Amino acid sequence: MAGGGEKKSKANATGGGKKKEVKKETGLGLSYKKDENFGEWYSEVVVNGEMIEYYDISGCYIIRPWAMSIWETMQKFFDAEIKKMKIQNCYFPLFVSPTVLQKEKDHIEGFAPEVAWVTKSGESDLEVPIAIRPTSETVMYPYYSKWIRGHRDLPLKLNQWCNVVRWEFSNPTPFIRSREFLWQEGHTAFATKSEADDEVLQILELYRRIYEEFLAVPVIKGKKSELEKFAGGLYTTTVEAFIPNTGRGIQGATSHCLGRNFSKMFEIIFENEKGEKAMAWQNSWAYTTRTIGVMVMVHGDDKGLVLPPRVASVQVIVVPVPYKDADTQGIFDACTATVETLCEAGIRANMDSRDNYSPGWKYSHWEMKGVPLRIEIGPKDLAKNQVRAVRRDNGAKVDLPRSSLVERIKELLDEIQESLFVAAKQRRDACIQIVKTWDEFVEALGQRKMILAPWCDEEEVEKDVKARTKGEMGAAKTLCSPLEQPEIPEGTLCFASGKPAKSSPTKISYCYCVSAPSRLVVVVVVRLCSASAMVDRLILLHLC
């Protein structure tokens, strides 16, 4: 964390006694550029920015305080919001018995390659191996069956903050694709489908807010195709981000309506108000520490991290800039007073008073860590009763009077937050292209575009698109059908099959009803999914 163990006594700041040697370290720069080698750049940024440390088990990472504080900020927001929805927190065990895991066949088949198993205790083999949860539907639902008996037991709305393990994959990437990760997972049960549908979209909107309002990352809210939906569920909604540097989409978070499939498997049956037996309607939803990786990819630059102020654990770093024969003590006193003033106003500020590093080295250090705003105080600033503020996002410098410092710093932090989102959205939108024919689609795909295309909503056509585009760089795959869609003329044909694109007079019918007989024109967002991990590490962004 910024400033931890970095503040020295004022006695050292005065220059009294033996002068300390200033370190001549210059190794703060990145070895790779974002536009030239994205995979290596990303790996270097998250390590040098003190977000993660590599662990001795492949695919596992140490989340350092600089990153954990971001997760805690999002957790605080989301936890408060779901409690407004009367959702309660709980915790279920990490281990799953094979019998329970196999109960929902379609569901476990979707996760089977990723399930890790405990097979030994000390030197002895377990009589029955125990699975480590890849997700918790099969862990929780046997007890939902026990707890839900009548309509008065509904809705049952639980959430847990925990870790999960998904083991079988290659080429892990910090935050994006790891064998163990942190998440929240909500599991709810309702008497009616309309209640479940409403919650799906409420949760999806909270996920949008996490990305757009906190992480300053634009996302597209949409619905997954039947081929891409959650295994065993009725339908899946999603927020999808896009990385312009790579031309690849990335699933940000998902909110699933499970229908009554799991209720059937686990006998979650209740007696309704008419005294009739009925199966509960269920949802599940989750977001993970992947959010942090997406933020780094979208905002980071060739100097390192660029953190949005709303999630930065340190929003303002204050650096004293003493010169020879300057009033060093006065400068340090002014820096200390500035930090205290900002902290009292609720601004997360800290001071780098280390006396064995030069101001220039400190500038680079905090730029690498992505602190949104740097304040410099030197002899001239002291004389003029001002500070110099430097923005991390664009490098702009401005001198601010100390008399109105709090107000101006708050304004600057708000401007930085908004500027990051606007810039990211502009870059994303510049990559979106609407196509109507296969030839247009192939051309746009080659240009690493995020593609919107009319679709006939047929699984075989979706599979065919993937097969026809498979090559050295991967294959095209749907992200989602956006909930907000552009106007498309009646009679528009599917870009891939030439069949009529699906249409509907209202968007609501599509948002809520996966099996509606008539729907909006389905607009497909397409991403590349790599067929070969040897191309570059960005292949790891393709996660289903």
Protein backbone atom coordinates (compact mmCIF):
# COMPACT_ATOMS: atom_id res chain seq x y z
CA MET A 1 0.00 0.00 0.00
CA ALA A 2 1.15 3.51 -0.68
CA GLY A 3 3.11 5.08 2.09
CA GLY A 4 3.29 1.90 4.18
CA GLY A 5 6.55 2.21 6.06
CA GLU A 6 7.56 5.08 3.78
CA LYS A 7 7.11 8.07 6.10
CA LYS A 8 10.23 9.15 7.92
CA SER A 9 10.63 11.44 10.89
CA LYS A 10 10.88 15.17 10.39
CA ALA A 11 14.39 15.00 11.81
CA ASN A 12 15.49 13.14 8.70
CA ALA A 13 13.66 15.64 6.50
CA THR A 14 15.69 18.59 7.77
CA GLY A 15 18.89 17.22 6.34
CA GLY A 16 20.55 17.30 9.78
CA GLY A 17 23.31 14.79 10.45
CA LYS A 18 24.89 12.55 7.83
CA LYS A 19 23.30 12.97 4.40
CA LYS A 20 21.66 9.83 3.05
CA GLU A 21 22.67 8.55 -0.36
CA VAL A 22 19.94 8.92 -2.98
CA LYS A 23 19.45 5.69 -4.92
CA LYS A 24 20.22 5.92 -8.61
CA GLU A 25 17.70 3.31 -9.68
CA THR A 26 16.36 3.60 -13.23
CA GLY A 27 14.72 0.22 -13.71
CA LEU A 28 11.11 1.35 -13.39
CA GLY A 29 10.26 1.45 -17.09
CA LEU A 30 8.41 -1.38 -18.81
CA SER A 31 10.26 -3.64 -21.23
CA TYR A 32 7.24 -4.12 -23.50
CA LYS A 33 4.82 -1.70 -25.15
CA LYS A 34 1.07 -2.23 -25.04
CA ASP A 35 0.60 -1.95 -28.81
CA GLU A 36 3.56 -4.15 -29.69
CA ASN A 37 3.38 -7.11 -27.32
CA PHE A 38 0.17 -6.95 -25.33
CA GLY A 39 0.56 -10.25 -23.49
CA GLU A 40 4.03 -9.52 -22.15
CA TRP A 41 3.06 -5.91 -21.41
CA TYR A 42 0.10 -7.06 -19.33
CA SER A 43 2.16 -9.58 -17.35
CA GLU A 44 4.78 -6.96 -16.64
CA VAL A 45 2.28 -4.28 -15.59
CA VAL A 46 0.41 -6.40 -13.04
CA VAL A 47 3.69 -7.49 -11.42
CA ASN A 48 5.56 -4.16 -11.52
CA GLY A 49 2.40 -2.33 -10.48
CA GLU A 50 2.32 -4.58 -7.38
CA MET A 51 -1.07 -6.07 -8.21
CA ILE A 52 -0.02 -9.71 -8.12
CA GLU A 53 2.94 -11.95 -7.47
CA TYR A 54 3.45 -15.27 -9.22
CA TYR A 55 3.06 -18.36 -7.06
CA ASP A 56 4.93 -21.66 -7.34
CA ILE A 57 1.81 -23.50 -8.56
CA SER A 58 0.94 -22.69 -12.16
CA GLY A 59 -2.27 -20.74 -12.54
CA CYS A 60 -2.30 -19.52 -8.92
CA TYR A 61 -1.40 -15.96 -7.97
CA ILE A 62 -0.90 -13.90 -4.85
CA ILE A 63 -3.29 -10.95 -4.89
CA ARG A 64 -1.33 -8.11 -3.30
CA PRO A 65 -2.91 -5.30 -1.25
CA TRP A 66 -2.83 -2.84 -4.16
CA ALA A 67 -5.24 -5.11 -6.08
CA MET A 68 -7.12 -6.48 -3.08
CA SER A 69 -8.22 -2.97 -2.11
CA ILE A 70 -9.88 -2.62 -5.54
CA TRP A 71 -11.76 -5.88 -4.97
CA GLU A 72 -12.84 -4.67 -1.53
CA THR A 73 -14.18 -1.41 -2.97
CA MET A 74 -16.33 -3.28 -5.48
CA GLN A 75 -17.38 -5.76 -2.81
CA LYS A 76 -18.51 -2.96 -0.49
CA PHE A 77 -20.68 -1.44 -3.22
CA PHE A 78 -22.19 -4.70 -4.47
CA ASP A 79 -22.81 -6.14 -1.02
CA ALA A 80 -24.73 -3.03 0.05
CA GLU A 81 -26.82 -3.08 -3.14
CA ILE A 82 -27.86 -6.73 -2.91
CA LYS A 83 -28.79 -6.27 0.73
CA LYS A 84 -31.23 -3.59 -0.43
CA MET A 85 -32.76 -6.41 -2.50
CA LYS A 86 -33.11 -8.52 0.70
CA ILE A 87 -30.36 -10.90 -0.38
CA GLN A 88 -28.47 -12.41 2.56
CA ASN A 89 -24.87 -13.59 2.78
CA CYS A 90 -23.98 -17.15 3.75
CA TYR A 91 -21.17 -19.64 3.28
CA PHE A 92 -21.24 -23.22 1.99
CA PRO A 93 -18.33 -25.72 2.15
CA LEU A 94 -15.62 -25.89 -0.47
CA PHE A 95 -15.99 -29.65 -0.96
CA VAL A 96 -18.57 -31.52 -3.04
CA SER A 97 -19.42 -35.22 -2.98
CA PRO A 98 -19.33 -37.05 -6.33
CA THR A 99 -22.95 -38.15 -5.90
CA VAL A 100 -24.23 -34.60 -5.62
CA LEU A 101 -21.90 -33.30 -8.34
CA GLN A 102 -23.19 -35.85 -10.86
CA LYS A 103 -26.86 -35.21 -10.10
CA GLU A 104 -27.29 -32.49 -12.74
CA LYS A 105 -25.77 -34.10 -15.84
CA ASP A 106 -25.82 -31.18 -18.29
CA HIS A 107 -24.41 -28.84 -15.67
CA ILE A 108 -21.49 -30.99 -14.58
CA GLU A 109 -20.59 -31.92 -18.16
CA GLY A 110 -19.95 -28.22 -18.73
CA PHE A 111 -17.48 -28.14 -15.83
CA ALA A 112 -16.13 -31.72 -15.78
CA PRO A 113 -12.70 -30.97 -17.33
CA GLU A 114 -12.10 -28.21 -14.76
CA VAL A 115 -13.07 -30.08 -11.57
CA ALA A 116 -10.19 -30.68 -9.14
CA TRP A 117 -10.40 -33.72 -6.87
CA VAL A 118 -9.05 -34.53 -3.41
CA THR A 119 -8.00 -38.18 -3.51
CA LYS A 120 -5.66 -38.62 -0.51
CA SER A 121 -5.57 -37.85 3.21
CA GLY A 122 -1.97 -38.01 4.36
CA GLU A 123 -0.63 -41.23 2.86
CA SER A 124 -4.02 -42.90 2.61
CA ASP A 125 -6.29 -42.89 -0.43
CA LEU A 126 -9.78 -41.62 0.23
CA GLU A 127 -12.46 -44.25 -0.16
CA VAL A 128 -14.53 -41.73 -2.11
CA PRO A 129 -12.76 -38.81 -3.85
CA ILE A 130 -14.08 -35.35 -3.00
CA ALA A 131 -14.45 -32.58 -5.57
CA ILE A 132 -13.49 -28.95 -4.99
CA ARG A 133 -16.30 -26.65 -6.07
CA PRO A 134 -16.02 -25.14 -9.57
CA THR A 135 -19.35 -23.42 -8.80
CA SER A 136 -21.90 -24.05 -6.07
CA GLU A 137 -25.22 -25.03 -7.62
CA THR A 138 -24.78 -28.67 -6.70
CA VAL A 139 -23.38 -27.74 -3.28
CA MET A 140 -26.27 -25.50 -2.25
CA TYR A 141 -29.40 -26.87 -3.89
CA PRO A 142 -29.83 -30.07 -1.85
CA TYR A 143 -30.32 -27.74 1.13
CA TYR A 144 -32.67 -25.45 -0.75
CA SER A 145 -34.80 -28.57 -1.16
CA LYS A 146 -34.72 -29.05 2.60
CA TRP A 147 -35.45 -25.41 3.48
CA ILE A 148 -38.20 -24.70 0.91
CA ARG A 149 -41.50 -26.40 1.69
CA GLY A 150 -44.24 -23.84 1.12
CA HIS A 151 -44.79 -20.55 -0.69
CA ARG A 152 -44.02 -18.66 2.54
CA ASP A 153 -40.44 -19.97 2.33
CA LEU A 154 -40.00 -18.06 -0.93
CA PRO A 155 -38.21 -16.14 -2.16
CA LEU A 156 -34.98 -17.59 -0.80
CA LYS A 157 -32.13 -15.25 -1.76
CA LEU A 158 -28.56 -16.09 -0.74
CA ASN A 159 -25.11 -14.89 -1.78
CA GLN A 160 -21.64 -15.99 -0.78
CA TRP A 161 -18.22 -14.38 -1.15
CA CYS A 162 -15.73 -17.17 -1.65
CA ASN A 163 -13.10 -18.78 -3.84
CA VAL A 164 -13.57 -21.48 -6.45
CA VAL A 165 -11.17 -23.77 -8.27
CA ARG A 166 -11.26 -24.63 -11.98
CA TRP A 167 -8.24 -26.67 -12.82
CA GLU A 168 -7.96 -28.04 -16.33
CA PHE A 169 -6.71 -25.39 -18.74
CA SER A 170 -3.52 -24.11 -20.33
CA ASN A 171 -1.83 -20.72 -20.44
CA PRO A 172 -3.18 -19.04 -17.30
CA THR A 173 -3.27 -15.23 -17.11
CA PRO A 174 -3.39 -13.19 -13.88
CA PHE A 175 -6.95 -12.15 -12.96
CA ILE A 176 -8.30 -13.25 -16.36
CA ARG A 177 -7.80 -17.01 -16.23
CA SER A 178 -6.57 -18.65 -13.04
CA ARG A 179 -7.03 -21.98 -11.32
CA GLU A 180 -8.31 -20.35 -8.16
CA PHE A 181 -10.14 -17.03 -8.10
CA LEU A 182 -12.33 -14.93 -5.85
CA TRP A 183 -15.94 -14.19 -6.66
CA GLN A 184 -19.39 -13.67 -5.30
CA GLU A 185 -22.09 -16.09 -6.32
CA GLY A 186 -25.75 -15.46 -5.75
CA HIS A 187 -28.33 -18.25 -5.73
CA THR A 188 -32.00 -17.38 -5.47
CA ALA A 189 -35.33 -19.21 -5.67
CA PHE A 190 -38.76 -17.76 -6.48
CA ALA A 191 -42.35 -18.87 -6.78
CA THR A 192 -42.79 -17.32 -10.25
CA LYS A 193 -40.78 -16.83 -13.41
CA SER A 194 -41.55 -13.12 -13.54
CA GLU A 195 -39.82 -12.62 -10.18
CA ALA A 196 -36.78 -14.51 -11.43
CA ASP A 197 -36.70 -12.55 -14.69
CA ASP A 198 -36.85 -9.25 -12.84
CA GLU A 199 -33.93 -10.15 -10.60
CA VAL A 200 -31.77 -11.32 -13.51
CA LEU A 201 -31.87 -7.83 -15.00
CA GLN A 202 -31.50 -6.07 -11.64
CA ILE A 203 -28.27 -7.95 -10.98
CA LEU A 204 -27.06 -7.38 -14.54
CA GLU A 205 -27.50 -3.64 -14.02
CA LEU A 206 -25.37 -3.83 -10.86
CA TYR A 207 -22.64 -5.53 -12.88
CA ARG A 208 -22.84 -2.77 -15.47
CA ARG A 209 -22.45 -0.20 -12.70
CA ILE A 210 -19.36 -1.98 -11.33
CA TYR A 211 -17.67 -1.81 -14.70
CA GLU A 212 -18.83 1.58 -15.90
CA GLU A 213 -19.20 3.61 -12.69
CA PHE A 214 -16.30 2.18 -10.70
CA LEU A 215 -13.81 0.70 -13.19
CA ALA A 216 -14.65 3.21 -15.97
CA VAL A 217 -14.90 0.33 -18.47
CA PRO A 218 -17.77 0.42 -21.01
CA VAL A 219 -19.71 -2.83 -21.37
CA ILE A 220 -22.53 -4.18 -23.51
CA LYS A 221 -25.45 -5.81 -21.71
CA GLY A 222 -26.83 -8.75 -23.63
CA LYS A 223 -28.10 -12.29 -23.74
CA LYS A 224 -26.02 -15.34 -24.59
CA SER A 225 -26.99 -17.69 -27.38
CA GLU A 226 -28.36 -21.15 -26.59
CA LEU A 227 -24.94 -22.54 -27.46
CA GLU A 228 -23.14 -20.18 -25.10
CA LYS A 229 -25.54 -20.04 -22.16
CA PHE A 230 -24.75 -21.45 -18.71
CA ALA A 231 -24.81 -25.26 -18.72
CA GLY A 232 -28.15 -26.47 -17.38
CA GLY A 233 -29.70 -22.99 -17.30
CA LEU A 234 -32.69 -21.51 -19.11
CA TYR A 235 -30.94 -18.37 -20.36
CA THR A 236 -27.85 -16.30 -19.57
CA THR A 237 -27.44 -12.54 -19.57
CA THR A 238 -24.00 -10.95 -19.60
CA VAL A 239 -21.97 -7.78 -19.62
CA GLU A 240 -19.28 -7.90 -22.28
CA ALA A 241 -16.15 -5.76 -22.40
CA PHE A 242 -13.83 -5.25 -25.36
CA ILE A 243 -10.06 -4.84 -25.56
CA PRO A 244 -9.33 -2.63 -28.61
CA ASN A 245 -5.60 -3.46 -28.60
CA THR A 246 -6.36 -7.10 -29.35
CA GLY A 247 -9.75 -6.98 -31.05
CA ARG A 248 -11.11 -9.47 -28.54
CA GLY A 249 -14.17 -9.42 -26.34
CA ILE A 250 -14.19 -10.63 -22.78
CA GLN A 251 -17.09 -11.79 -20.65
CA GLY A 252 -17.32 -9.43 -17.69
CA ALA A 253 -20.01 -11.00 -15.48
CA THR A 254 -23.11 -13.15 -15.93
CA SER A 255 -26.61 -13.32 -14.50
CA HIS A 256 -28.42 -16.59 -15.25
CA CYS A 257 -32.04 -17.63 -15.10
CA LEU A 258 -31.84 -21.34 -14.34
CA GLY A 259 -35.52 -21.95 -14.95
CA ARG A 260 -36.77 -25.03 -13.10
CA ASN A 261 -34.18 -27.53 -14.30
CA PHE A 262 -32.23 -27.58 -11.04
CA SER A 263 -35.47 -27.58 -9.04
CA LYS A 264 -36.43 -30.75 -10.84
CA MET A 265 -33.06 -32.40 -10.29
CA PHE A 266 -32.83 -31.45 -6.61
CA GLU A 267 -36.56 -31.62 -5.84
CA ILE A 268 -36.94 -27.98 -4.79
CA ILE A 269 -40.71 -28.23 -4.57
CA PHE A 270 -43.10 -26.04 -2.63
CA GLU A 271 -46.82 -25.90 -1.96
CA ASN A 272 -48.31 -22.80 -3.56
CA GLU A 273 -51.18 -20.66 -2.26
CA LYS A 274 -53.69 -22.99 -3.91
CA GLY A 275 -52.25 -25.98 -2.10
CA GLU A 276 -50.68 -27.34 -5.29
CA LYS A 277 -47.14 -28.67 -5.63
CA ALA A 278 -44.88 -26.51 -7.79
CA MET A 279 -41.19 -26.29 -8.63
CA ALA A 280 -39.25 -23.15 -7.75
CA TRP A 281 -37.78 -20.82 -10.37
CA GLN A 282 -34.09 -20.21 -9.77
CA ASN A 283 -31.32 -17.77 -10.68
CA SER A 284 -27.58 -17.72 -10.20
CA TRP A 285 -25.19 -14.83 -10.85
CA ALA A 286 -21.53 -14.00 -10.28
CA TYR A 287 -18.66 -11.66 -10.94
CA THR A 288 -15.00 -12.36 -10.20
CA THR A 289 -11.57 -10.83 -9.76
CA ARG A 290 -11.44 -10.89 -13.57
CA THR A 291 -12.92 -7.40 -13.30
CA ILE A 292 -9.52 -6.13 -12.14
CA GLY A 293 -7.72 -7.63 -15.13
CA VAL A 294 -10.18 -6.07 -17.56
CA MET A 295 -9.62 -2.66 -15.95
CA VAL A 296 -5.84 -3.01 -16.31
CA MET A 297 -6.14 -4.04 -19.96
CA VAL A 298 -8.47 -1.19 -20.89
CA HIS A 299 -6.76 1.71 -19.09
CA GLY A 300 -3.10 0.74 -18.65
CA ASP A 301 -0.43 2.39 -20.79
CA ASP A 302 3.30 2.17 -21.47
CA LYS A 303 4.06 3.74 -18.08
CA GLY A 304 2.06 1.12 -16.16
CA LEU A 305 -1.30 1.03 -14.42
CA VAL A 306 -3.90 3.77 -14.77
CA LEU A 307 -6.40 3.46 -11.90
CA PRO A 308 -9.84 5.09 -11.86
CA PRO A 309 -10.12 7.27 -8.73
CA ARG A 310 -13.22 5.46 -7.43
CA VAL A 311 -11.30 2.20 -6.93
CA ALA A 312 -7.76 3.47 -6.29
CA SER A 313 -6.70 2.78 -2.70
CA VAL A 314 -4.54 5.91 -2.95
CA GLN A 315 -6.19 8.65 -5.00
CA VAL A 316 -3.54 11.30 -4.39
CA ILE A 317 0.15 10.83 -3.71
CA VAL A 318 2.04 13.83 -2.33
CA VAL A 319 5.73 14.10 -3.22
CA PRO A 320 8.04 16.67 -1.61
CA VAL A 321 10.48 18.26 -4.07
CA PRO A 322 13.30 19.84 -2.04
CA TYR A 323 16.22 21.57 -3.75
CA LYS A 324 19.65 22.46 -2.45
CA ASP A 325 19.50 25.17 0.22
CA ALA A 326 15.64 25.01 0.19
CA ASP A 327 13.51 25.02 3.32
CA THR A 328 13.31 21.25 3.40
CA GLN A 329 11.51 21.14 6.73
CA GLY A 330 8.94 23.65 5.50
CA ILE A 331 8.32 21.59 2.35
CA PHE A 332 7.82 18.39 4.34
CA ASP A 333 5.52 20.16 6.78
CA ALA A 334 3.44 21.46 3.87
CA CYS A 335 3.23 17.94 2.40
CA THR A 336 2.14 16.48 5.73
CA ALA A 337 -0.49 19.17 6.19
CA THR A 338 -1.77 18.61 2.65
CA VAL A 339 -2.23 14.88 3.25
CA GLU A 340 -4.03 15.52 6.52
CA THR A 341 -6.36 18.06 4.91
CA LEU A 342 -7.24 15.74 2.04
CA CYS A 343 -7.76 12.70 4.30
CA GLU A 344 -10.04 14.70 6.61
CA ALA A 345 -12.14 15.52 3.52
CA GLY A 346 -12.51 11.82 2.67
CA ILE A 347 -9.89 11.77 -0.09
CA ARG A 348 -7.52 8.81 0.02
CA ALA A 349 -4.14 10.56 0.11
CA ASN A 350 -0.63 9.61 1.16
CA MET A 351 2.86 11.07 1.20
CA ASP A 352 6.06 9.54 -0.14
CA SER A 353 8.66 10.92 2.24
CA ARG A 354 11.34 8.32 1.54
CA ASP A 355 14.66 10.15 1.56
CA ASN A 356 16.69 7.58 -0.35
CA TYR A 357 14.84 8.08 -3.65
CA SER A 358 14.83 11.14 -5.87
CA PRO A 359 11.55 12.94 -6.72
CA GLY A 360 11.88 11.78 -10.34
CA TRP A 361 12.15 8.16 -9.29
CA LYS A 362 9.07 8.57 -7.10
CA TYR A 363 7.14 10.09 -10.01
CA SER A 364 7.86 7.00 -12.11
CA HIS A 365 7.08 4.66 -9.23
CA TRP A 366 3.61 6.09 -8.60
CA GLU A 367 2.91 6.35 -12.31
CA MET A 368 3.67 2.63 -12.57
CA LYS A 369 1.19 1.98 -9.74
CA GLY A 370 -1.44 4.10 -11.49
CA VAL A 371 -2.24 6.64 -8.73
CA PRO A 372 -4.76 9.04 -10.34
CA LEU A 373 -3.26 12.31 -9.09
CA ARG A 374 0.20 13.38 -7.96
CA ILE A 375 0.82 16.52 -5.91
CA GLU A 376 4.28 18.05 -5.94
CA ILE A 377 5.40 20.68 -3.41
CA GLY A 378 8.72 22.44 -3.95
CA PRO A 379 10.26 25.75 -2.82
CA LYS A 380 8.29 27.86 -5.31
CA ASP A 381 5.03 26.15 -4.35
CA LEU A 382 5.80 26.76 -0.69
CA ALA A 383 6.48 30.44 -1.36
CA LYS A 384 3.23 30.85 -3.34
CA ASN A 385 1.15 28.75 -0.89
CA GLN A 386 0.16 26.39 -3.72
CA VAL A 387 0.70 22.85 -4.95
CA ARG A 388 1.25 21.40 -8.38
CA ALA A 389 -1.17 18.62 -9.39
CA VAL A 390 -0.31 16.15 -12.16
CA ARG A 391 -2.92 13.82 -13.67
CA ARG A 392 -1.95 10.20 -14.32
CA ASP A 393 -4.41 9.71 -17.19
CA ASN A 394 -3.15 12.50 -19.47
CA GLY A 395 -0.14 14.05 -17.72
CA ALA A 396 -1.80 17.48 -17.46
CA LYS A 397 -0.31 19.78 -14.80
CA VAL A 398 -2.06 22.54 -12.90
CA ASP A 399 -1.08 24.78 -9.98
CA LEU A 400 -3.70 24.88 -7.22
CA PRO A 401 -3.96 27.32 -4.29
CA ARG A 402 -3.96 25.55 -0.95
CA SER A 403 -6.91 27.67 0.17
CA SER A 404 -9.28 25.79 -2.17
CA LEU A 405 -7.33 22.56 -2.43
CA VAL A 406 -10.02 20.10 -1.30
CA GLU A 407 -12.65 21.41 -3.72
CA ARG A 408 -10.26 21.43 -6.68
CA ILE A 409 -8.86 17.96 -5.94
CA LYS A 410 -12.37 16.52 -5.74
CA GLU A 411 -13.19 18.15 -9.08
CA LEU A 412 -10.03 16.76 -10.66
CA LEU A 413 -10.70 13.24 -9.40
CA ASP A 414 -14.24 13.39 -10.81
CA GLU A 415 -12.86 14.66 -14.12
CA ILE A 416 -10.31 11.83 -14.27
CA GLN A 417 -12.99 9.21 -13.56
CA GLU A 418 -15.24 10.59 -16.31
CA SER A 419 -12.37 11.11 -18.75
CA LEU A 420 -11.21 7.50 -18.40
CA PHE A 421 -14.69 6.19 -19.16
CA VAL A 422 -15.25 8.52 -22.11
CA ALA A 423 -11.86 7.70 -23.63
CA ALA A 424 -12.40 3.95 -23.20
CA LYS A 425 -15.87 4.17 -24.73
CA GLN A 426 -14.57 6.16 -27.69
CA ARG A 427 -11.88 3.53 -28.33
CA ARG A 428 -14.43 0.74 -28.00
CA ASP A 429 -17.03 2.40 -30.20
CA ALA A 430 -14.45 3.08 -32.89
CA CYS A 431 -13.98 -0.69 -33.15
CA ILE A 432 -17.69 -1.53 -33.56
CA GLN A 433 -18.81 -2.29 -37.10
CA ILE A 434 -22.23 -3.30 -38.39
CA VAL A 435 -22.14 -5.88 -41.18
CA LYS A 436 -24.91 -7.44 -43.27
CA THR A 437 -23.10 -9.99 -45.42
CA TRP A 438 -20.57 -12.74 -44.95
CA ASP A 439 -17.93 -10.90 -46.99
CA GLU A 440 -18.34 -7.78 -44.84
CA PHE A 441 -18.10 -9.96 -41.75
CA VAL A 442 -14.85 -11.62 -42.81
CA GLU A 443 -13.30 -8.27 -43.71
CA ALA A 444 -14.26 -6.72 -40.35
CA LEU A 445 -13.01 -9.77 -38.50
CA GLY A 446 -9.63 -9.38 -40.12
CA GLN A 447 -9.54 -5.78 -38.90
CA ARG A 448 -10.13 -6.88 -35.28
CA LYS A 449 -13.51 -5.24 -35.09
CA MET A 450 -16.33 -5.85 -32.65
CA ILE A 451 -19.01 -6.91 -35.09
CA LEU A 452 -22.78 -6.41 -34.99
CA ALA A 453 -24.57 -8.64 -37.43
CA PRO A 454 -28.18 -9.79 -38.02
CA TRP A 455 -28.60 -13.45 -37.16
CA CYS A 456 -31.21 -16.16 -37.70
CA ASP A 457 -30.69 -17.49 -34.15
CA GLU A 458 -29.95 -21.08 -35.22
CA GLU A 459 -27.38 -23.17 -33.35
CA GLU A 460 -26.17 -24.97 -36.45
CA VAL A 461 -25.46 -21.65 -38.15
CA GLU A 462 -23.54 -20.48 -35.08
CA LYS A 463 -21.44 -23.65 -35.13
CA ASP A 464 -20.88 -23.24 -38.86
CA VAL A 465 -19.58 -19.68 -38.41
CA LYS A 466 -17.02 -20.91 -35.92
CA ALA A 467 -15.96 -23.75 -38.22
CA ARG A 468 -15.71 -21.52 -41.31
CA THR A 469 -13.60 -18.89 -39.55
CA LYS A 470 -11.26 -21.26 -37.77
CA GLY A 471 -7.66 -20.55 -38.65
CA GLU A 472 -4.24 -19.80 -37.25
CA MET A 473 -5.54 -16.84 -35.23
CA GLY A 474 -8.64 -18.62 -33.98
CA ALA A 475 -12.34 -18.62 -34.81
CA ALA A 476 -15.26 -16.22 -34.55
CA LYS A 477 -17.64 -16.73 -31.67
CA THR A 478 -20.74 -14.91 -30.44
CA LEU A 479 -20.53 -12.74 -27.36
CA CYS A 480 -24.19 -11.85 -26.92
CA SER A 481 -27.34 -10.40 -28.43
CA PRO A 482 -27.31 -6.83 -27.04
CA LEU A 483 -30.37 -5.77 -25.10
CA GLU A 484 -30.11 -2.34 -26.74
CA GLN A 485 -30.15 -2.86 -30.49
CA PRO A 486 -29.96 -0.53 -33.49
CA GLU A 487 -32.86 -0.19 -35.90
CA ILE A 488 -32.73 -2.85 -38.60
CA PRO A 489 -35.10 -2.83 -41.63
CA GLU A 490 -37.78 -5.47 -41.89
CA GLY A 491 -36.72 -8.34 -44.11
CA THR A 492 -33.06 -8.20 -43.07
CA LEU A 493 -31.30 -11.52 -43.66
CA CYS A 494 -28.84 -13.38 -41.45
CA PHE A 495 -25.26 -12.47 -42.37
CA ALA A 496 -24.17 -16.12 -42.33
CA SER A 497 -27.11 -18.24 -43.55
CA GLY A 498 -29.14 -15.84 -45.68
CA LYS A 499 -32.25 -16.83 -43.73
CA PRO A 500 -34.57 -14.20 -42.25
CA ALA A 501 -33.19 -12.61 -39.10
CA LYS A 502 -35.41 -12.98 -36.06
CA SER A 503 -37.61 -10.00 -35.23
CA SER A 504 -40.05 -8.82 -32.57
CA PRO A 505 -42.21 -5.73 -32.04
CA THR A 506 -40.83 -5.17 -28.54
CA LYS A 507 -37.46 -5.51 -26.85
CA ILE A 508 -39.02 -6.60 -23.56
CA SER A 509 -40.18 -9.90 -25.00
CA TYR A 510 -36.64 -10.72 -25.99
CA CYS A 511 -35.09 -9.59 -22.74
CA TYR A 512 -37.42 -11.71 -20.67
CA CYS A 513 -38.45 -14.67 -22.80
CA VAL A 514 -35.87 -17.01 -24.18
CA SER A 515 -38.53 -19.08 -25.92
CA ALA A 516 -40.61 -16.26 -27.38
CA PRO A 517 -41.92 -17.25 -30.83
CA SER A 518 -41.03 -13.87 -32.30
CA ARG A 519 -38.13 -11.68 -31.24
CA LEU A 520 -36.05 -8.68 -32.04
CA VAL A 521 -33.52 -9.03 -34.77
CA VAL A 522 -30.77 -10.81 -32.98
CA VAL A 523 -27.59 -8.80 -33.19
CA VAL A 524 -24.51 -10.84 -32.54
CA VAL A 525 -21.32 -9.45 -31.10
CA VAL A 526 -18.46 -11.55 -32.39
CA ARG A 527 -15.03 -12.08 -30.88
CA LEU A 528 -12.00 -14.10 -31.83
CA CYS A 529 -11.26 -17.24 -29.89
CA SER A 530 -7.79 -18.51 -30.51
CA ALA A 531 -7.18 -22.04 -31.69
CA SER A 532 -3.51 -21.92 -30.84
CA ALA A 533 -2.05 -20.63 -27.60
CA MET A 534 1.27 -20.10 -29.39
CA VAL A 535 0.00 -17.02 -31.22
CA ASP A 536 0.11 -14.77 -28.15
CA ARG A 537 -1.13 -14.75 -24.59
CA LEU A 538 -4.27 -12.89 -25.48
CA ILE A 539 -5.75 -16.16 -26.48
CA LEU A 540 -6.59 -16.43 -22.82
CA LEU A 541 -9.27 -13.80 -23.13
CA HIS A 542 -11.51 -16.37 -24.77
CA LEU A 543 -13.45 -17.71 -21.81
CA CYS A 544 -16.82 -19.39 -22.15
